[in-house]
Amino acid sequence: MGLQIVLGLIGFGLLYFGAEWLVKGSSSLARSLGITPIVIGLTVVAFGTSTPELVVSVVSAIKSKSMIAVGNVVGSNICNIALVLGISALFHPIKSHPAVVRRDIPIMVGVTVYLLVLSANSRLGRLEGFTLVAGVILYTFLNYYWARRGEAGKAVGRVDAPGEITKIGYVSSRSRQLLMIVAGVAGVVFGAELVVDAAVIIMATLGVSEKFIGLTIVAFGTSLPELATSVVAAARKEMDISIGNLVGSNVFNLLSVLGLAALVRPIPIPGGFFASGLWIDYLVMIFISALPYFMMRRTFTVSRRDGCILLTCYGLYLTYLIVKA
């Protein structure tokens, strides 16, 4: 099993750097073609940072490992808020724009509840996938409209697009742009293959379920880009990047990742949504998604105490998963 752990770690590394190369190469190409920063932020950056979750879930669905596909998204969303936001808040209290609290977080919670309704019949079919993909298109359009109006000055729940594109960096050489895009796509695809294959073998060796692997190991690995981005942003006191990146990533995970995965291949829930206990994980995801709203509704700040609460919630959830496994 040692070899599989090494291959899995290599896979996570390919996912992380592949997503970085893809975003940097694609955003640089878009800039050189004269596309405005706001459009780049709403498309290339927004979708690019969710690429690890997307490719892992699509590969899992194709390989009939549906619980890894779903568990990856559910576990990643829980990890993004409870673990990543919790750790970020410990570095520095996170103050965000009121629009994130009043608009983006309720949207995230609403989409999470909608996914629970769709999953209640123990299957995410192509029709359900279509509605989710339609939702991400609508969400992108609305964010473009809001950003153009200057209501919050951010794209897809993140920081202002020009500022974020600048931080990503610009590659002027067209050949390097294309090389980074190709390398990025290859990295996330091969990385996802390694991660899923390693997860299946580790699952069989340890005798744990697909759901457990998807909700823990795979979810944590695909959340590494958000973890790195948010912790660095919080350490630099760029608080809007931290909370905006996480909220936007969670919405895209729910809508685009599961939506596209279900369109590629319908995702059944083995054992049933309720019998498998997946409904409990969905309720935890809803609860964790709603927590930042109650923490920030008055001061628009996630304090260090709030960060401790979030980390405690994540610890309790992991304990539940381990005991159940």
Protein backbone atom coordinates (compact mmCIF):
# COMPACT_ATOMS: atom_id res chain seq x y z
CA MET A 1 0.00 0.00 0.00
CA GLY A 2 3.03 2.24 0.44
CA LEU A 3 3.42 2.53 -3.32
CA GLN A 4 -0.22 3.53 -3.72
CA ILE A 5 0.18 6.27 -1.09
CA VAL A 6 3.21 7.61 -2.98
CA LEU A 7 1.30 7.50 -6.29
CA GLY A 8 -1.66 9.23 -4.65
CA LEU A 9 0.61 12.01 -3.34
CA ILE A 10 2.11 12.39 -6.81
CA GLY A 11 -1.44 12.59 -8.18
CA PHE A 12 -2.36 15.37 -5.73
CA GLY A 13 0.80 17.21 -6.73
CA LEU A 14 -0.12 16.96 -10.40
CA LEU A 15 -3.64 18.19 -9.60
CA TYR A 16 -2.28 21.19 -7.70
CA PHE A 17 0.39 22.28 -10.17
CA GLY A 18 -1.75 21.31 -13.18
CA ALA A 19 -4.49 23.65 -12.00
CA GLU A 20 -1.91 26.41 -11.41
CA TRP A 21 -0.43 26.02 -14.90
CA LEU A 22 -3.87 25.84 -16.50
CA VAL A 23 -5.12 29.01 -14.81
CA LYS A 24 -1.93 30.97 -15.47
CA GLY A 25 -1.60 29.87 -19.08
CA SER A 26 -5.28 30.36 -19.88
CA SER A 27 -5.54 33.76 -18.19
CA SER A 28 -2.37 34.94 -19.94
CA LEU A 29 -3.71 33.77 -23.31
CA ALA A 30 -7.04 35.48 -22.67
CA ARG A 31 -5.29 38.74 -21.74
CA SER A 32 -3.11 38.62 -24.86
CA LEU A 33 -6.28 38.16 -26.94
CA GLY A 34 -7.75 41.32 -25.43
CA ILE A 35 -10.35 39.70 -23.19
CA THR A 36 -11.22 41.93 -20.21
CA PRO A 37 -10.00 40.96 -16.71
CA ILE A 38 -13.55 40.66 -15.38
CA VAL A 39 -14.44 38.04 -18.00
CA ILE A 40 -11.19 36.17 -17.28
CA GLY A 41 -12.01 36.17 -13.57
CA LEU A 42 -15.52 34.89 -14.17
CA THR A 43 -14.47 32.10 -16.53
CA VAL A 44 -10.82 31.03 -16.61
CA VAL A 45 -9.99 31.70 -12.95
CA ALA A 46 -13.32 30.58 -11.51
CA PHE A 47 -13.45 27.30 -13.40
CA GLY A 48 -9.70 26.73 -13.28
CA THR A 49 -9.51 26.72 -9.48
CA SER A 50 -12.23 24.06 -9.37
CA THR A 51 -10.45 21.88 -11.95
CA PRO A 52 -9.04 19.34 -9.44
CA GLU A 53 -12.49 18.56 -8.02
CA LEU A 54 -14.01 18.54 -11.51
CA VAL A 55 -11.58 16.09 -13.10
CA VAL A 56 -11.50 13.77 -10.07
CA SER A 57 -15.30 13.59 -9.96
CA VAL A 58 -15.63 13.06 -13.72
CA VAL A 59 -12.97 10.31 -13.71
CA SER A 60 -14.66 8.69 -10.70
CA ALA A 61 -18.05 8.77 -12.43
CA ILE A 62 -16.59 7.23 -15.60
CA LYS A 63 -14.97 4.47 -13.52
CA SER A 64 -18.29 3.82 -11.72
CA LYS A 65 -16.88 5.05 -8.39
CA SER A 66 -19.85 7.32 -7.81
CA MET A 67 -19.38 7.64 -4.06
CA ILE A 68 -15.90 9.06 -4.64
CA ALA A 69 -17.38 11.49 -7.18
CA VAL A 70 -20.04 12.75 -4.75
CA GLY A 71 -17.94 12.41 -1.60
CA ASN A 72 -15.17 14.43 -3.20
CA VAL A 73 -17.47 17.44 -3.66
CA VAL A 74 -19.30 17.13 -0.32
CA GLY A 75 -16.08 16.57 1.63
CA SER A 76 -14.25 19.33 -0.26
CA ASN A 77 -16.99 21.86 0.52
CA ILE A 78 -16.97 20.93 4.20
CA CYS A 79 -13.16 21.09 4.21
CA ASN A 80 -13.12 24.50 2.48
CA ILE A 81 -15.26 26.17 5.14
CA ALA A 82 -14.55 24.23 8.34
CA LEU A 83 -10.83 23.55 7.86
CA VAL A 84 -9.50 26.12 5.38
CA LEU A 85 -11.55 29.10 6.60
CA GLY A 86 -10.92 28.02 10.20
CA ILE A 87 -7.14 27.92 9.72
CA SER A 88 -7.21 31.22 7.79
CA ALA A 89 -9.10 32.94 10.60
CA LEU A 90 -6.49 31.80 13.10
CA PHE A 91 -3.83 33.69 11.13
CA HIS A 92 -5.87 36.88 11.09
CA PRO A 93 -9.57 37.72 11.66
CA ILE A 94 -11.22 37.69 8.24
CA LYS A 95 -13.32 40.73 7.36
CA SER A 96 -15.22 40.58 4.09
CA HIS A 97 -17.45 42.75 1.93
CA PRO A 98 -21.11 42.81 3.10
CA ALA A 99 -22.22 41.47 -0.30
CA VAL A 100 -20.40 38.20 0.37
CA VAL A 101 -22.39 37.71 3.58
CA ARG A 102 -25.74 38.98 2.33
CA ARG A 103 -25.65 37.46 -1.14
CA ASP A 104 -22.90 34.93 -1.89
CA ILE A 105 -23.14 32.83 1.29
CA PRO A 106 -26.97 32.50 1.07
CA ILE A 107 -26.55 31.44 -2.58
CA MET A 108 -24.03 28.79 -1.48
CA VAL A 109 -26.43 27.49 1.18
CA GLY A 110 -29.38 27.54 -1.23
CA VAL A 111 -27.47 25.56 -3.88
CA THR A 112 -26.43 23.05 -1.20
CA VAL A 113 -30.05 22.52 -0.16
CA TYR A 114 -31.04 22.16 -3.83
CA LEU A 115 -28.43 19.42 -4.29
CA LEU A 116 -29.87 17.57 -1.29
CA VAL A 117 -33.31 17.65 -2.93
CA LEU A 118 -31.87 16.35 -6.22
CA SER A 119 -30.01 13.53 -4.45
CA ALA A 120 -32.99 12.33 -2.40
CA ASN A 121 -33.95 9.79 -5.09
CA SER A 122 -30.45 8.22 -4.79
CA ARG A 123 -29.37 9.29 -8.27
CA LEU A 124 -28.01 12.31 -10.08
CA GLY A 125 -29.09 11.81 -13.68
CA ARG A 126 -28.35 13.86 -16.78
CA LEU A 127 -31.45 16.00 -16.23
CA GLU A 128 -30.28 16.90 -12.73
CA GLY A 129 -26.80 17.51 -14.14
CA PHE A 130 -28.26 19.83 -16.76
CA THR A 131 -30.04 21.92 -14.13
CA LEU A 132 -26.80 22.22 -12.15
CA VAL A 133 -24.81 23.30 -15.21
CA ALA A 134 -27.57 25.77 -16.11
CA GLY A 135 -27.25 27.07 -12.55
CA VAL A 136 -23.52 27.75 -12.89
CA ILE A 137 -24.13 29.58 -16.17
CA LEU A 138 -26.78 31.74 -14.46
CA TYR A 139 -24.50 32.30 -11.46
CA THR A 140 -21.64 33.39 -13.73
CA PHE A 141 -23.92 35.78 -15.63
CA LEU A 142 -25.27 37.30 -12.41
CA ASN A 143 -21.78 37.81 -11.04
CA TYR A 144 -20.76 39.49 -14.29
CA TYR A 145 -23.79 41.78 -13.99
CA TRP A 146 -23.08 42.57 -10.32
CA ALA A 147 -19.40 43.17 -10.98
CA ARG A 148 -20.20 45.48 -13.90
CA ARG A 149 -22.49 47.45 -11.66
CA GLY A 150 -19.63 47.69 -9.19
CA GLU A 151 -21.83 46.45 -6.37
CA ALA A 152 -19.08 44.40 -4.76
CA GLY A 153 -16.19 44.70 -7.21
CA LYS A 154 -15.52 41.00 -7.33
CA ALA A 155 -15.95 38.13 -9.76
CA VAL A 156 -17.68 34.93 -8.75
CA GLY A 157 -17.45 35.73 -5.06
CA ARG A 158 -13.75 36.49 -5.31
CA VAL A 159 -11.69 39.67 -5.24
CA ASP A 160 -11.77 42.31 -7.97
CA ALA A 161 -10.82 40.64 -11.22
CA PRO A 162 -7.97 42.99 -12.24
CA GLY A 163 -6.28 42.56 -8.86
CA GLU A 164 -6.62 38.78 -8.93
CA ILE A 165 -5.38 38.45 -12.51
CA THR A 166 -2.33 40.54 -11.55
CA LYS A 167 -1.56 38.20 -8.65
CA ILE A 168 -1.82 35.15 -10.92
CA GLY A 169 0.90 36.56 -13.14
CA TYR A 170 1.21 37.10 -16.87
CA VAL A 171 3.15 35.06 -19.41
CA SER A 172 3.75 37.07 -22.58
CA SER A 173 5.09 34.30 -24.82
CA ARG A 174 2.29 32.68 -26.84
CA SER A 175 4.19 29.37 -27.05
CA ARG A 176 4.65 29.32 -23.25
CA GLN A 177 0.97 30.11 -22.78
CA LEU A 178 -0.05 27.14 -24.92
CA LEU A 179 2.57 24.90 -23.29
CA MET A 180 1.26 25.78 -19.81
CA ILE A 181 -2.33 25.06 -20.88
CA VAL A 182 -1.41 21.68 -22.36
CA ALA A 183 0.76 20.81 -19.34
CA GLY A 184 -2.01 21.94 -16.99
CA VAL A 185 -4.66 19.79 -18.66
CA ALA A 186 -2.32 16.79 -18.74
CA GLY A 187 -1.40 17.36 -15.09
CA VAL A 188 -4.96 17.42 -13.77
CA VAL A 189 -6.07 14.49 -15.94
CA PHE A 190 -3.15 12.19 -15.04
CA GLY A 191 -3.25 13.43 -11.46
CA ALA A 192 -6.92 12.55 -11.17
CA GLU A 193 -6.26 9.08 -12.61
CA LEU A 194 -3.54 8.45 -10.01
CA VAL A 195 -5.66 9.79 -7.15
CA VAL A 196 -8.74 7.72 -8.00
CA ASP A 197 -6.78 4.52 -8.65
CA ALA A 198 -4.79 4.93 -5.44
CA ALA A 199 -7.96 5.71 -3.47
CA VAL A 200 -9.66 2.54 -4.73
CA ILE A 201 -6.69 0.33 -3.76
CA ILE A 202 -6.29 2.00 -0.35
CA MET A 203 -10.04 1.57 0.19
CA ALA A 204 -9.83 -2.14 -0.56
CA THR A 205 -6.74 -2.60 1.62
CA LEU A 206 -8.14 -0.80 4.66
CA GLY A 207 -11.64 -2.17 4.18
CA VAL A 208 -13.30 1.26 4.27
CA SER A 209 -16.03 2.55 2.00
CA GLU A 210 -15.83 4.65 -1.15
CA LYS A 211 -17.75 7.33 0.68
CA PHE A 212 -15.17 7.53 3.46
CA ILE A 213 -12.28 7.82 1.01
CA GLY A 214 -14.11 10.47 -1.04
CA LEU A 215 -15.14 12.52 2.00
CA THR A 216 -11.67 12.48 3.60
CA ILE A 217 -8.52 11.74 1.61
CA VAL A 218 -9.72 12.74 -1.85
CA ALA A 219 -11.65 15.77 -0.58
CA PHE A 220 -8.68 17.08 1.38
CA GLY A 221 -6.32 16.59 -1.55
CA THR A 222 -8.53 18.44 -4.02
CA SER A 223 -8.95 21.28 -1.49
CA LEU A 224 -5.20 21.93 -1.39
CA PRO A 225 -5.39 24.83 -3.92
CA GLU A 226 -8.03 26.57 -1.80
CA LEU A 227 -6.05 25.86 1.37
CA ALA A 228 -2.84 27.33 -0.06
CA THR A 229 -4.57 30.35 -1.61
CA SER A 230 -6.66 31.22 1.43
CA VAL A 231 -3.97 30.74 4.08
CA VAL A 232 -1.49 32.88 2.12
CA ALA A 233 -4.19 35.52 1.51
CA ALA A 234 -5.14 35.61 5.19
CA ALA A 235 -1.50 35.79 6.25
CA ARG A 236 -1.10 38.81 3.94
CA LYS A 237 -4.31 40.29 5.37
CA GLU A 238 -6.05 40.11 1.96
CA MET A 239 -9.23 38.92 3.64
CA ASP A 240 -11.62 39.25 0.70
CA ILE A 241 -9.50 36.79 -1.28
CA SER A 242 -9.76 34.22 1.50
CA ILE A 243 -13.53 34.13 2.11
CA GLY A 244 -14.47 34.98 -1.48
CA ASN A 245 -12.29 32.23 -2.92
CA LEU A 246 -13.86 29.63 -0.64
CA VAL A 247 -17.50 30.63 -1.21
CA GLY A 248 -17.02 30.86 -4.97
CA SER A 249 -15.19 27.53 -5.07
CA ASN A 250 -17.97 25.79 -3.13
CA VAL A 251 -20.68 27.09 -5.46
CA PHE A 252 -18.70 25.98 -8.50
CA ASN A 253 -18.04 22.57 -6.94
CA LEU A 254 -21.76 21.96 -6.43
CA LEU A 255 -22.94 23.30 -9.77
CA SER A 256 -20.22 22.71 -12.33
CA VAL A 257 -18.35 19.72 -10.88
CA LEU A 258 -21.31 17.48 -10.05
CA GLY A 259 -23.32 18.91 -12.94
CA LEU A 260 -20.73 18.08 -15.58
CA ALA A 261 -19.93 14.73 -13.96
CA ALA A 262 -23.63 13.77 -14.07
CA LEU A 263 -23.87 14.88 -17.72
CA VAL A 264 -20.89 12.69 -18.64
CA ARG A 265 -22.33 9.72 -16.77
CA PRO A 266 -25.33 9.55 -14.39
CA ILE A 267 -24.22 9.18 -10.79
CA PRO A 268 -26.08 6.55 -8.74
CA ILE A 269 -25.74 6.52 -4.96
CA PRO A 270 -24.95 2.91 -3.95
CA GLY A 271 -27.12 1.67 -1.11
CA GLY A 272 -29.45 4.64 -1.43
CA PHE A 273 -29.20 8.23 -0.27
CA PHE A 274 -30.69 7.56 3.16
CA ALA A 275 -29.58 3.97 3.78
CA SER A 276 -25.95 4.82 2.97
CA GLY A 277 -25.97 7.65 5.50
CA LEU A 278 -24.99 10.20 2.84
CA TRP A 279 -27.89 12.41 3.94
CA ILE A 280 -26.04 13.04 7.22
CA ASP A 281 -23.01 14.28 5.29
CA TYR A 282 -25.28 16.57 3.26
CA LEU A 283 -26.78 18.00 6.46
CA VAL A 284 -23.28 18.58 7.83
CA MET A 285 -22.39 20.36 4.58
CA ILE A 286 -25.48 22.59 4.89
CA PHE A 287 -24.72 23.35 8.54
CA ILE A 288 -21.05 24.17 7.87
CA SER A 289 -22.01 26.30 4.84
CA ALA A 290 -24.44 28.33 6.95
CA LEU A 291 -22.09 28.88 9.91
CA PRO A 292 -20.10 31.76 8.33
CA TYR A 293 -23.33 33.69 7.76
CA PHE A 294 -24.23 33.64 11.46
CA MET A 295 -20.64 34.45 12.39
CA MET A 296 -20.43 37.40 10.00
CA ARG A 297 -23.98 38.76 9.77
CA ARG A 298 -23.27 41.73 12.09
CA THR A 299 -19.56 42.48 11.94
CA PHE A 300 -18.80 40.82 8.55
CA THR A 301 -15.81 39.24 10.28
CA VAL A 302 -14.73 35.69 11.08
CA SER A 303 -12.82 36.05 14.34
CA ARG A 304 -10.13 33.78 15.73
CA ARG A 305 -12.75 32.35 18.10
CA ASP A 306 -14.96 31.59 15.11
CA GLY A 307 -11.98 29.92 13.45
CA CYS A 308 -11.61 27.68 16.49
CA ILE A 309 -15.31 26.80 16.29
CA LEU A 310 -14.99 25.87 12.61
CA LEU A 311 -11.93 23.72 13.25
CA THR A 312 -13.70 22.01 16.16
CA CYS A 313 -16.65 21.22 13.88
CA TYR A 314 -14.28 19.71 11.32
CA GLY A 315 -12.57 17.65 14.00
CA LEU A 316 -15.90 16.34 15.26
CA TYR A 317 -16.98 15.47 11.72
CA LEU A 318 -13.75 13.59 11.03
CA THR A 319 -14.18 11.72 14.31
CA TYR A 320 -17.69 10.72 13.24
CA LEU A 321 -16.42 9.45 9.88
CA ILE A 322 -13.57 7.48 11.45
CA VAL A 323 -15.79 5.89 14.11
CA LYS A 324 -18.40 4.99 11.52
CA ALA A 325 -15.74 3.56 9.17
